[in-house]
N, C-alpha and C. Protein backbone atom coordinates (compact mmCIF):
# COMPACT_ATOMS: atom_id res chain seq x y z
N MET A 1 0.85 -1.18 0.00
CA MET A 1 0.00 0.00 0.00
C MET A 1 0.89 1.24 0.00
N PRO A 2 0.65 2.20 -0.90
CA PRO A 2 1.47 3.41 -0.91
C PRO A 2 1.32 4.19 0.38
N TYR A 3 2.40 4.84 0.78
CA TYR A 3 2.40 5.57 2.04
C TYR A 3 1.30 6.62 2.10
N ALA A 4 1.08 7.36 1.02
CA ALA A 4 0.12 8.46 1.03
C ALA A 4 -1.31 7.99 1.28
N SER A 5 -1.61 6.72 1.00
CA SER A 5 -2.99 6.26 1.17
C SER A 5 -3.22 5.56 2.51
N ARG A 6 -2.22 5.48 3.35
CA ARG A 6 -2.39 4.84 4.64
C ARG A 6 -3.24 5.70 5.56
N GLU A 7 -3.93 5.04 6.46
CA GLU A 7 -4.65 5.76 7.51
C GLU A 7 -3.65 6.16 8.58
N HIS A 8 -3.83 7.34 9.13
CA HIS A 8 -2.93 7.83 10.16
C HIS A 8 -3.67 7.94 11.48
N GLY A 9 -2.91 7.76 12.56
CA GLY A 9 -3.48 7.93 13.88
C GLY A 9 -3.75 9.39 14.16
N PRO A 10 -4.44 9.68 15.25
CA PRO A 10 -4.83 11.05 15.54
C PRO A 10 -3.64 11.99 15.76
N ARG A 11 -2.58 11.51 16.36
CA ARG A 11 -1.41 12.38 16.58
C ARG A 11 -0.74 12.74 15.26
N THR A 12 -0.57 11.76 14.39
CA THR A 12 0.01 12.02 13.07
C THR A 12 -0.89 12.95 12.28
N ARG A 13 -2.17 12.74 12.35
CA ARG A 13 -3.14 13.60 11.65
C ARG A 13 -3.00 15.05 12.13
N ARG A 14 -2.87 15.25 13.45
CA ARG A 14 -2.71 16.60 14.00
C ARG A 14 -1.43 17.25 13.50
N VAL A 15 -0.35 16.48 13.44
CA VAL A 15 0.93 17.02 12.96
C VAL A 15 0.82 17.42 11.49
N LEU A 16 0.24 16.55 10.67
CA LEU A 16 0.06 16.87 9.26
C LEU A 16 -0.80 18.13 9.08
N ASP A 17 -1.86 18.23 9.86
CA ASP A 17 -2.71 19.41 9.81
C ASP A 17 -1.95 20.66 10.24
N ARG A 18 -1.14 20.54 11.29
CA ARG A 18 -0.37 21.69 11.79
C ARG A 18 0.65 22.15 10.76
N ILE A 19 1.34 21.23 10.15
CA ILE A 19 2.31 21.59 9.10
C ILE A 19 1.60 22.29 7.95
N GLY A 20 0.46 21.75 7.54
CA GLY A 20 -0.29 22.35 6.45
C GLY A 20 -0.79 23.74 6.78
N ARG A 21 -1.33 23.90 7.96
CA ARG A 21 -1.86 25.22 8.36
C ARG A 21 -0.73 26.23 8.50
N THR A 22 0.38 25.83 9.08
CA THR A 22 1.52 26.73 9.23
C THR A 22 2.05 27.15 7.87
N THR A 23 2.13 26.20 6.96
CA THR A 23 2.59 26.50 5.60
C THR A 23 1.66 27.52 4.94
N MET A 24 0.36 27.30 5.05
CA MET A 24 -0.61 28.19 4.43
C MET A 24 -0.54 29.59 5.05
N LEU A 25 -0.46 29.67 6.38
CA LEU A 25 -0.39 30.97 7.04
C LEU A 25 0.88 31.73 6.64
N ALA A 26 1.99 31.04 6.55
CA ALA A 26 3.24 31.69 6.14
C ALA A 26 3.16 32.16 4.70
N ARG A 27 2.61 31.32 3.84
CA ARG A 27 2.50 31.67 2.42
C ARG A 27 1.60 32.89 2.23
N VAL A 28 0.43 32.85 2.84
CA VAL A 28 -0.52 33.96 2.71
C VAL A 28 0.06 35.22 3.36
N GLY A 29 0.71 35.05 4.50
CA GLY A 29 1.32 36.19 5.18
C GLY A 29 2.39 36.88 4.35
N GLN A 30 2.99 36.15 3.44
CA GLN A 30 4.01 36.72 2.56
C GLN A 30 3.42 37.17 1.22
N GLY A 31 2.09 37.08 1.11
CA GLY A 31 1.43 37.52 -0.12
C GLY A 31 1.70 36.62 -1.32
N GLN A 32 1.97 35.36 -1.04
CA GLN A 32 2.34 34.42 -2.09
C GLN A 32 1.15 33.51 -2.40
N SER A 33 0.91 33.24 -3.67
CA SER A 33 -0.12 32.28 -4.06
C SER A 33 0.50 30.88 -4.05
N GLN A 34 -0.36 29.87 -4.08
CA GLN A 34 0.15 28.50 -4.18
C GLN A 34 0.94 28.33 -5.48
N ARG A 35 0.43 28.91 -6.54
CA ARG A 35 1.12 28.81 -7.82
C ARG A 35 2.47 29.52 -7.77
N GLY A 36 2.52 30.68 -7.12
CA GLY A 36 3.78 31.42 -6.98
C GLY A 36 4.79 30.65 -6.15
N LEU A 37 4.33 30.04 -5.04
CA LEU A 37 5.23 29.22 -4.23
C LEU A 37 5.71 28.02 -5.02
N GLY A 38 4.82 27.46 -5.82
CA GLY A 38 5.21 26.33 -6.68
C GLY A 38 6.31 26.72 -7.66
N ALA A 39 6.20 27.91 -8.20
CA ALA A 39 7.22 28.38 -9.15
C ALA A 39 8.57 28.55 -8.46
N LEU A 40 8.55 29.03 -7.22
CA LEU A 40 9.80 29.24 -6.48
C LEU A 40 10.45 27.93 -6.03
N THR A 41 9.65 26.89 -5.88
CA THR A 41 10.15 25.62 -5.35
C THR A 41 10.18 24.50 -6.37
N SER A 42 9.67 24.75 -7.56
CA SER A 42 9.52 23.72 -8.61
C SER A 42 8.63 22.57 -8.14
N ILE A 43 7.60 22.91 -7.38
CA ILE A 43 6.63 21.93 -6.87
C ILE A 43 5.27 22.31 -7.42
N ASP A 44 4.51 21.33 -7.89
CA ASP A 44 3.18 21.60 -8.45
C ASP A 44 2.27 22.27 -7.43
N GLN A 45 1.43 23.15 -7.93
CA GLN A 45 0.44 23.84 -7.08
C GLN A 45 -0.46 22.83 -6.38
N SER A 46 -0.81 21.76 -7.07
CA SER A 46 -1.69 20.75 -6.46
C SER A 46 -1.02 20.07 -5.27
N THR A 47 0.28 19.88 -5.33
CA THR A 47 1.02 19.29 -4.21
C THR A 47 1.01 20.25 -3.02
N ILE A 48 1.20 21.53 -3.28
CA ILE A 48 1.17 22.53 -2.20
C ILE A 48 -0.22 22.58 -1.59
N SER A 49 -1.24 22.49 -2.41
CA SER A 49 -2.62 22.47 -1.90
C SER A 49 -2.84 21.27 -0.98
N ARG A 50 -2.39 20.09 -1.42
CA ARG A 50 -2.54 18.88 -0.59
C ARG A 50 -1.78 19.04 0.73
N LEU A 51 -0.58 19.61 0.68
CA LEU A 51 0.19 19.83 1.91
C LEU A 51 -0.59 20.74 2.85
N GLU A 52 -1.12 21.84 2.34
CA GLU A 52 -1.85 22.79 3.17
C GLU A 52 -3.13 22.20 3.73
N ASN A 53 -3.70 21.22 3.03
CA ASN A 53 -4.92 20.56 3.51
C ASN A 53 -4.62 19.36 4.39
N GLY A 54 -3.35 19.12 4.66
CA GLY A 54 -2.97 18.00 5.53
C GLY A 54 -3.08 16.65 4.87
N SER A 55 -3.13 16.62 3.53
CA SER A 55 -3.33 15.35 2.85
C SER A 55 -2.15 14.97 1.96
N ALA A 56 -0.98 15.50 2.25
CA ALA A 56 0.22 15.18 1.45
C ALA A 56 1.20 14.38 2.30
N ALA A 57 0.69 13.34 2.96
CA ALA A 57 1.53 12.55 3.85
C ALA A 57 2.72 11.91 3.13
N GLY A 58 2.61 11.66 1.85
CA GLY A 58 3.69 11.04 1.10
C GLY A 58 4.65 12.03 0.46
N LEU A 59 4.53 13.31 0.81
CA LEU A 59 5.41 14.33 0.25
C LEU A 59 6.86 14.03 0.61
N ARG A 60 7.72 14.07 -0.41
CA ARG A 60 9.14 13.79 -0.17
C ARG A 60 9.74 14.87 0.73
N LEU A 61 10.66 14.44 1.56
CA LEU A 61 11.29 15.33 2.52
C LEU A 61 12.01 16.48 1.84
N ASP A 62 12.65 16.24 0.69
CA ASP A 62 13.36 17.32 0.01
C ASP A 62 12.40 18.39 -0.51
N LYS A 63 11.19 17.99 -0.90
CA LYS A 63 10.20 18.97 -1.34
C LYS A 63 9.68 19.78 -0.15
N LEU A 64 9.43 19.12 0.97
CA LEU A 64 9.01 19.83 2.17
C LEU A 64 10.10 20.80 2.61
N ALA A 65 11.35 20.38 2.54
CA ALA A 65 12.46 21.25 2.92
C ALA A 65 12.54 22.47 2.00
N ALA A 66 12.27 22.30 0.71
CA ALA A 66 12.29 23.43 -0.22
C ALA A 66 11.21 24.44 0.14
N ILE A 67 10.03 23.97 0.48
CA ILE A 67 8.93 24.86 0.86
C ILE A 67 9.28 25.60 2.15
N ILE A 68 9.80 24.86 3.14
CA ILE A 68 10.18 25.47 4.41
C ILE A 68 11.24 26.53 4.21
N ALA A 69 12.21 26.26 3.34
CA ALA A 69 13.30 27.22 3.10
C ALA A 69 12.77 28.49 2.43
N VAL A 70 11.92 28.34 1.41
CA VAL A 70 11.40 29.51 0.69
C VAL A 70 10.52 30.36 1.61
N LEU A 71 9.76 29.71 2.48
CA LEU A 71 8.89 30.45 3.39
C LEU A 71 9.63 30.91 4.65
N ASP A 72 10.92 30.59 4.74
CA ASP A 72 11.75 30.99 5.87
C ASP A 72 11.21 30.44 7.19
N LEU A 73 10.80 29.18 7.16
CA LEU A 73 10.28 28.49 8.34
C LEU A 73 11.29 27.48 8.87
N ASP A 74 12.57 27.81 8.76
CA ASP A 74 13.57 26.81 9.10
C ASP A 74 13.84 26.69 10.59
N ARG A 75 13.14 27.44 11.41
CA ARG A 75 13.22 27.23 12.86
C ARG A 75 12.05 26.34 13.27
N PHE A 76 12.35 25.29 14.00
CA PHE A 76 11.30 24.33 14.36
C PHE A 76 10.18 24.94 15.17
N ASP A 77 10.46 25.96 15.98
CA ASP A 77 9.40 26.55 16.78
C ASP A 77 8.37 27.26 15.91
N GLN A 78 8.71 27.58 14.67
CA GLN A 78 7.75 28.22 13.78
C GLN A 78 6.76 27.22 13.21
N LEU A 79 6.97 25.96 13.42
CA LEU A 79 6.03 24.97 12.93
C LEU A 79 4.80 24.87 13.82
N ARG A 80 4.81 25.59 14.91
CA ARG A 80 3.61 25.67 15.75
C ARG A 80 2.79 26.87 15.28
N PRO A 81 1.47 26.72 15.20
CA PRO A 81 0.67 27.87 14.80
C PRO A 81 0.76 28.96 15.86
N PRO A 82 0.59 30.21 15.46
CA PRO A 82 0.66 31.28 16.44
C PRO A 82 -0.42 31.10 17.50
N ALA A 83 -0.09 31.49 18.73
CA ALA A 83 -1.06 31.40 19.82
C ALA A 83 -2.20 32.38 19.54
N PRO A 84 -3.42 32.00 19.87
CA PRO A 84 -4.53 32.93 19.67
C PRO A 84 -4.33 34.17 20.54
N THR A 85 -4.70 35.28 20.00
CA THR A 85 -4.57 36.52 20.76
C THR A 85 -5.91 36.87 21.39
N ARG A 86 -5.82 37.43 22.58
CA ARG A 86 -7.04 37.87 23.27
C ARG A 86 -7.20 39.36 23.03
N PRO A 87 -8.43 39.78 22.91
CA PRO A 87 -8.63 41.22 22.78
C PRO A 87 -8.18 41.92 24.07
N THR A 88 -7.57 43.06 23.93
CA THR A 88 -7.12 43.80 25.12
C THR A 88 -8.17 44.82 25.52
N ARG A 89 -8.28 45.01 26.80
CA ARG A 89 -9.21 46.01 27.32
C ARG A 89 -8.44 47.27 27.62
N GLU A 90 -9.00 48.36 27.24
CA GLU A 90 -8.34 49.62 27.52
C GLU A 90 -9.14 50.45 28.47
């Protein structure tokens, strides 16, 4: 069975979702489209979409590394989504 079609446990699912969401937030925060990121990394837009949706479990490590490098997410602590902010009272 190919790796990408395997069922994942809840912890793995959460990690894949977190990586995808962090990637999407960084990309959008930099004003980059999926197609634009694909052009910078030589990765298909559809692959970037699957990564952002948490469904690219079989993505090769070198491709993930290229995306992380272009988005400047090479610090592991950046793979956590930003903490929610509370409204401040004045």
